[in-house]
Amino acid sequence: MCLAVPLKILSVDGDMAEAGIKTTRVRISIALTPGIGIGDWVLVHAGFAIHSIEEKQALETLELLEELDEFNRQQDNGGPSHR
């Protein structure tokens, strides 16, 4: 399964950019997304920005990914505890 992750563009240097969320920063190619600039949100797959997205959509996607991570952690620990 392939997954593209929303990241915010923090700086641009030609066809490369620094993007991130929270404390995570990565260097990505923006060659496939002309017109992208600082402050824009993009979907990133395999080091490439592949599509621009609205901030609201990016934040909703990140929230869903966090919920999925929490669900997976609960499953790894035997599921949620019920008292």
C-alpha atoms as a PDB file:
ATOM      1  CA  MET A   1       0.000   0.000   0.000  1.00  0.00           C
ATOM      2  CA  CYS A   2       1.232   3.491  -0.840  1.00  0.00           C
ATOM      3  CA  LEU A   3       0.587   6.472   1.378  1.00  0.00           C
ATOM      4  CA  ALA A   4       1.052  10.174   0.685  1.00  0.00           C
ATOM      5  CA  VAL A   5       1.420  12.356   3.767  1.00  0.00           C
ATOM      6  CA  PRO A   6       0.385  16.007   4.046  1.00  0.00           C
ATOM      7  CA  LEU A   7       3.269  18.354   4.823  1.00  0.00           C
ATOM      8  CA  LYS A   8       3.568  22.133   4.960  1.00  0.00           C
ATOM      9  CA  ILE A   9       6.215  23.863   2.828  1.00  0.00           C
ATOM     10  CA  LEU A  10       8.670  25.693   5.122  1.00  0.00           C
ATOM     11  CA  SER A  11      11.298  26.880   2.638  1.00  0.00           C
ATOM     12  CA  VAL A  12      11.965  26.608  -1.092  1.00  0.00           C
ATOM     13  CA  ASP A  13      15.272  26.324  -2.959  1.00  0.00           C
ATOM     14  CA  GLY A  14      14.680  25.835  -6.689  1.00  0.00           C
ATOM     15  CA  ASP A  15      12.945  22.476  -7.245  1.00  0.00           C
ATOM     16  CA  MET A  16      13.615  21.405  -3.652  1.00  0.00           C
ATOM     17  CA  ALA A  17      11.871  22.399  -0.446  1.00  0.00           C
ATOM     18  CA  GLU A  18      11.937  21.772   3.274  1.00  0.00           C
ATOM     19  CA  ALA A  19       8.557  20.557   4.468  1.00  0.00           C
ATOM     20  CA  GLY A  20       7.258  19.331   7.766  1.00  0.00           C
ATOM     21  CA  ILE A  21       4.697  18.823  10.471  1.00  0.00           C
ATOM     22  CA  LYS A  22       5.202  19.420  14.183  1.00  0.00           C
ATOM     23  CA  THR A  23       8.919  18.753  14.810  1.00  0.00           C
ATOM     24  CA  THR A  24       9.524  16.582  11.718  1.00  0.00           C
ATOM     25  CA  ARG A  25      11.346  18.195   8.789  1.00  0.00           C
ATOM     26  CA  VAL A  26      12.205  16.599   5.439  1.00  0.00           C
ATOM     27  CA  ARG A  27      13.745  17.757   2.177  1.00  0.00           C
ATOM     28  CA  ILE A  28      11.439  17.053  -0.767  1.00  0.00           C
ATOM     29  CA  SER A  29      11.260  17.675  -4.486  1.00  0.00           C
ATOM     30  CA  ILE A  30       8.579  20.113  -5.622  1.00  0.00           C
ATOM     31  CA  ALA A  31       9.357  19.645  -9.323  1.00  0.00           C
ATOM     32  CA  LEU A  32       5.978  17.932  -9.868  1.00  0.00           C
ATOM     33  CA  THR A  33       3.997  20.765  -8.246  1.00  0.00           C
ATOM     34  CA  PRO A  34       4.849  24.046  -9.989  1.00  0.00           C
ATOM     35  CA  GLY A  35       3.741  27.179  -8.180  1.00  0.00           C
ATOM     36  CA  ILE A  36       4.070  25.706  -4.689  1.00  0.00           C
ATOM     37  CA  GLY A  37       5.419  28.171  -2.143  1.00  0.00           C
ATOM     38  CA  ILE A  38       6.151  28.664   1.528  1.00  0.00           C
ATOM     39  CA  GLY A  39       3.075  27.998   3.654  1.00  0.00           C
ATOM     40  CA  ASP A  40       1.388  25.740   1.090  1.00  0.00           C
ATOM     41  CA  TRP A  41       0.319  22.209   1.986  1.00  0.00           C
ATOM     42  CA  VAL A  42       1.232  19.290  -0.272  1.00  0.00           C
ATOM     43  CA  LEU A  43       0.805  15.529  -0.337  1.00  0.00           C
ATOM     44  CA  VAL A  44       4.260  13.925  -0.252  1.00  0.00           C
ATOM     45  CA  HIS A  45       5.055  10.433  -1.500  1.00  0.00           C
ATOM     46  CA  ALA A  46       8.560   8.964  -1.774  1.00  0.00           C
ATOM     47  CA  GLY A  47      10.175  12.366  -1.346  1.00  0.00           C
ATOM     48  CA  PHE A  48       8.083  14.141  -3.980  1.00  0.00           C
ATOM     49  CA  ALA A  49       5.282  16.644  -3.523  1.00  0.00           C
ATOM     50  CA  ILE A  50       2.641  15.135  -5.806  1.00  0.00           C
ATOM     51  CA  HIS A  51      -0.368  17.398  -5.224  1.00  0.00           C
ATOM     52  CA  SER A  52      -1.265  20.610  -3.411  1.00  0.00           C
ATOM     53  CA  ILE A  53      -4.098  20.490  -0.882  1.00  0.00           C
ATOM     54  CA  GLU A  54      -6.012  22.959   1.262  1.00  0.00           C
ATOM     55  CA  GLU A  55      -4.902  23.381   4.880  1.00  0.00           C
ATOM     56  CA  LYS A  56      -8.253  22.126   6.214  1.00  0.00           C
ATOM     57  CA  GLN A  57      -7.940  18.886   4.234  1.00  0.00           C
ATOM     58  CA  ALA A  58      -4.318  18.463   5.352  1.00  0.00           C
ATOM     59  CA  LEU A  59      -5.188  18.899   9.028  1.00  0.00           C
ATOM     60  CA  GLU A  60      -8.172  16.531   8.792  1.00  0.00           C
ATOM     61  CA  THR A  61      -5.962  13.904   7.131  1.00  0.00           C
ATOM     62  CA  LEU A  62      -3.274  14.274   9.817  1.00  0.00           C
ATOM     63  CA  GLU A  63      -5.929  13.885  12.520  1.00  0.00           C
ATOM     64  CA  LEU A  64      -7.191  10.678  10.907  1.00  0.00           C
ATOM     65  CA  LEU A  65      -3.636   9.336  10.668  1.00  0.00           C
ATOM     66  CA  GLU A  66      -3.125  10.047  14.380  1.00  0.00           C
ATOM     67  CA  GLU A  67      -6.368   8.208  15.200  1.00  0.00           C
ATOM     68  CA  LEU A  68      -5.230   5.240  13.118  1.00  0.00           C
ATOM     69  CA  ASP A  69      -1.872   5.228  14.917  1.00  0.00           C
ATOM     70  CA  GLU A  70      -3.626   5.245  18.294  1.00  0.00           C
ATOM     71  CA  PHE A  71      -5.933   2.403  17.213  1.00  0.00           C
ATOM     72  CA  ASN A  72      -2.928   0.354  16.078  1.00  0.00           C
ATOM     73  CA  ARG A  73      -1.129   0.968  19.385  1.00  0.00           C
ATOM     74  CA  GLN A  74      -4.212  -0.214  21.278  1.00  0.00           C
ATOM     75  CA  GLN A  75      -4.393  -3.358  19.156  1.00  0.00           C
ATOM     76  CA  ASP A  76      -0.702  -4.065  19.794  1.00  0.00           C
ATOM     77  CA  ASN A  77      -1.407  -3.821  23.529  1.00  0.00           C
ATOM     78  CA  GLY A  78      -4.395  -6.173  23.520  1.00  0.00           C
ATOM     79  CA  GLY A  79      -7.051  -3.624  22.646  1.00  0.00           C
ATOM     80  CA  PRO A  80      -8.607  -0.870  24.730  1.00  0.00           C
ATOM     81  CA  SER A  81      -9.082  -1.669  28.385  1.00  0.00           C
ATOM     82  CA  HIS A  82     -12.649  -2.029  29.619  1.00  0.00           C
ATOM     83  CA  ARG A  83     -13.356  -1.779  33.322  1.00  0.00           C
END
